[in-house]
C-alpha atoms as a PDB file:
ATOM      1  CA  UNK A   1      44.403  23.728  71.214  1.00  0.00           C
ATOM      2  CA  UNK A   2      43.657  27.369  72.077  1.00  0.00           C
ATOM      3  CA  UNK A   3      42.926  28.413  68.510  1.00  0.00           C
ATOM      4  CA  UNK A   4      40.852  27.047  65.648  1.00  0.00           C
ATOM      5  CA  UNK A   5      43.373  26.169  62.936  1.00  0.00           C
ATOM      6  CA  UNK A   6      42.415  25.860  59.277  1.00  0.00           C
ATOM      7  CA  UNK A   7      43.232  22.295  58.136  1.00  0.00           C
ATOM      8  CA  UNK A   8      44.300  23.602  54.692  1.00  0.00           C
ATOM      9  CA  UNK A   9      46.523  26.631  55.358  1.00  0.00           C
ATOM     10  CA  UNK A  10      46.992  26.358  59.160  1.00  0.00           C
ATOM     11  CA  UNK A  11      45.713  29.914  59.683  1.00  0.00           C
ATOM     12  CA  UNK A  12      44.799  30.481  63.332  1.00  0.00           C
ATOM     13  CA  UNK A  13      41.263  31.666  64.102  1.00  0.00           C
ATOM     14  CA  UNK A  14      40.482  32.951  67.585  1.00  0.00           C
ATOM     15  CA  UNK A  15      37.489  31.192  69.217  1.00  0.00           C
ATOM     16  CA  UNK A  16      34.594  33.424  70.268  1.00  0.00           C
ATOM     17  CA  UNK A  17      34.434  31.767  73.676  1.00  0.00           C
ATOM     18  CA  UNK A  18      30.917  30.504  73.019  1.00  0.00           C
ATOM     19  CA  UNK A  19      31.021  26.785  72.242  1.00  0.00           C
ATOM     20  CA  UNK A  20      27.706  27.014  70.425  1.00  0.00           C
ATOM     21  CA  UNK A  21      29.045  29.754  68.118  1.00  0.00           C
ATOM     22  CA  UNK A  22      32.456  28.146  67.550  1.00  0.00           C
ATOM     23  CA  UNK A  23      31.177  24.665  66.668  1.00  0.00           C
ATOM     24  CA  UNK A  24      29.991  23.835  63.164  1.00  0.00           C
ATOM     25  CA  UNK A  25      30.960  24.754  59.623  1.00  0.00           C
ATOM     26  CA  UNK A  26      33.225  27.756  59.219  1.00  0.00           C
ATOM     27  CA  UNK A  27      35.212  29.404  56.468  1.00  0.00           C
ATOM     28  CA  UNK A  28      38.874  30.321  56.759  1.00  0.00           C
ATOM     29  CA  UNK A  29      39.315  34.083  56.601  1.00  0.00           C
ATOM     30  CA  UNK A  30      42.743  33.559  55.031  1.00  0.00           C
ATOM     31  CA  UNK A  31      42.191  31.022  52.220  1.00  0.00           C
ATOM     32  CA  UNK A  32      38.383  30.666  52.024  1.00  0.00           C
ATOM     33  CA  UNK A  33      38.481  26.900  52.720  1.00  0.00           C
ATOM     34  CA  UNK A  34      35.354  25.604  54.472  1.00  0.00           C
ATOM     35  CA  UNK A  35      35.854  23.177  57.353  1.00  0.00           C
ATOM     36  CA  UNK A  36      34.031  21.741  60.357  1.00  0.00           C
ATOM     37  CA  UNK A  37      34.863  22.705  63.939  1.00  0.00           C
ATOM     38  CA  UNK A  38      34.023  20.398  66.822  1.00  0.00           C
ATOM     39  CA  UNK A  39      34.414  21.616  70.412  1.00  0.00           C
ATOM     40  CA  UNK A  40      35.825  18.911  72.694  1.00  0.00           C
ATOM     41  CA  UNK A  41      35.364  18.843  76.436  1.00  0.00           C
ATOM     42  CA  UNK A  42      37.874  17.340  78.848  1.00  0.00           C
ATOM     43  CA  UNK A  43      36.438  16.888  82.321  1.00  0.00           C
ATOM     44  CA  UNK A  44      38.327  18.030  85.404  1.00  0.00           C
ATOM     45  CA  UNK A  45      37.520  16.506  88.766  1.00  0.00           C
ATOM     46  CA  UNK A  46      38.222  17.891  92.228  1.00  0.00           C
ATOM     47  CA  UNK A  47      37.557  16.480  95.669  1.00  0.00           C
ATOM     48  CA  UNK A  48      37.494  17.724  99.248  1.00  0.00           C
ATOM     49  CA  UNK A  49      36.745  16.279 102.655  1.00  0.00           C
ATOM     50  CA  UNK A  50      33.215  16.243 104.028  1.00  0.00           C
ATOM     51  CA  UNK A  51      34.634  16.684 107.518  1.00  0.00           C
ATOM     52  CA  UNK A  52      38.015  18.411 107.645  1.00  0.00           C
ATOM     53  CA  UNK A  53      40.760  17.354 110.059  1.00  0.00           C
ATOM     54  CA  UNK A  54      42.580  20.594 110.638  1.00  0.00           C
ATOM     55  CA  UNK A  55      46.268  20.779 111.541  1.00  0.00           C
ATOM     56  CA  UNK A  56      47.554  23.081 114.275  1.00  0.00           C
ATOM     57  CA  UNK A  57      47.246  26.802 113.455  1.00  0.00           C
ATOM     58  CA  UNK A  58      50.296  28.474 111.948  1.00  0.00           C
ATOM     59  CA  UNK A  59      51.315  31.870 110.636  1.00  0.00           C
ATOM     60  CA  UNK A  60      52.017  32.452 106.961  1.00  0.00           C
ATOM     61  CA  UNK A  61      52.779  35.556 104.944  1.00  0.00           C
ATOM     62  CA  UNK A  62      49.892  36.742 102.768  1.00  0.00           C
ATOM     63  CA  UNK A  63      50.574  38.125  99.257  1.00  0.00           C
ATOM     64  CA  UNK A  64      50.297  41.662 100.669  1.00  0.00           C
ATOM     65  CA  UNK A  65      53.104  40.917 103.176  1.00  0.00           C
ATOM     66  CA  UNK A  66      50.812  40.698 106.204  1.00  0.00           C
ATOM     67  CA  UNK A  67      51.257  37.735 108.572  1.00  0.00           C
ATOM     68  CA  UNK A  68      48.011  35.775 109.012  1.00  0.00           C
ATOM     69  CA  UNK A  69      46.962  32.771 111.099  1.00  0.00           C
ATOM     70  CA  UNK A  70      45.682  29.780 109.119  1.00  0.00           C
ATOM     71  CA  UNK A  71      44.834  26.102 109.470  1.00  0.00           C
ATOM     72  CA  UNK A  72      45.086  23.465 106.736  1.00  0.00           C
ATOM     73  CA  UNK A  73      43.170  20.204 106.462  1.00  0.00           C
ATOM     74  CA  UNK A  74      45.723  17.401 106.668  1.00  0.00           C
ATOM     75  CA  UNK A  75      43.875  15.396 103.980  1.00  0.00           C
ATOM     76  CA  UNK A  76      42.618  17.752 101.272  1.00  0.00           C
ATOM     77  CA  UNK A  77      44.650  20.912 101.975  1.00  0.00           C
ATOM     78  CA  UNK A  78      41.687  23.225 102.511  1.00  0.00           C
ATOM     79  CA  UNK A  79      42.887  26.470 104.106  1.00  0.00           C
ATOM     80  CA  UNK A  80      40.911  28.385 106.711  1.00  0.00           C
ATOM     81  CA  UNK A  81      41.975  31.852 107.775  1.00  0.00           C
ATOM     82  CA  UNK A  82      41.591  32.316 111.515  1.00  0.00           C
END
């Protein structure tokens, strides 16, 4: 959920971006109903090799249209510009 929705009238409140400020008791600016907001965290995990095993260099087109030489790790996909 990207917004804080009032459980009574479903009015959408924009979060401040500060979890400490958004969490707790709040009042709906539309209907005046008081409700509790709890910020939930969902972890995201990422991994990469300790020692990369790079594939043979190849040329790819950069977003600006320039051709560049790169190598990719065959296990984790890490890209190194040469």
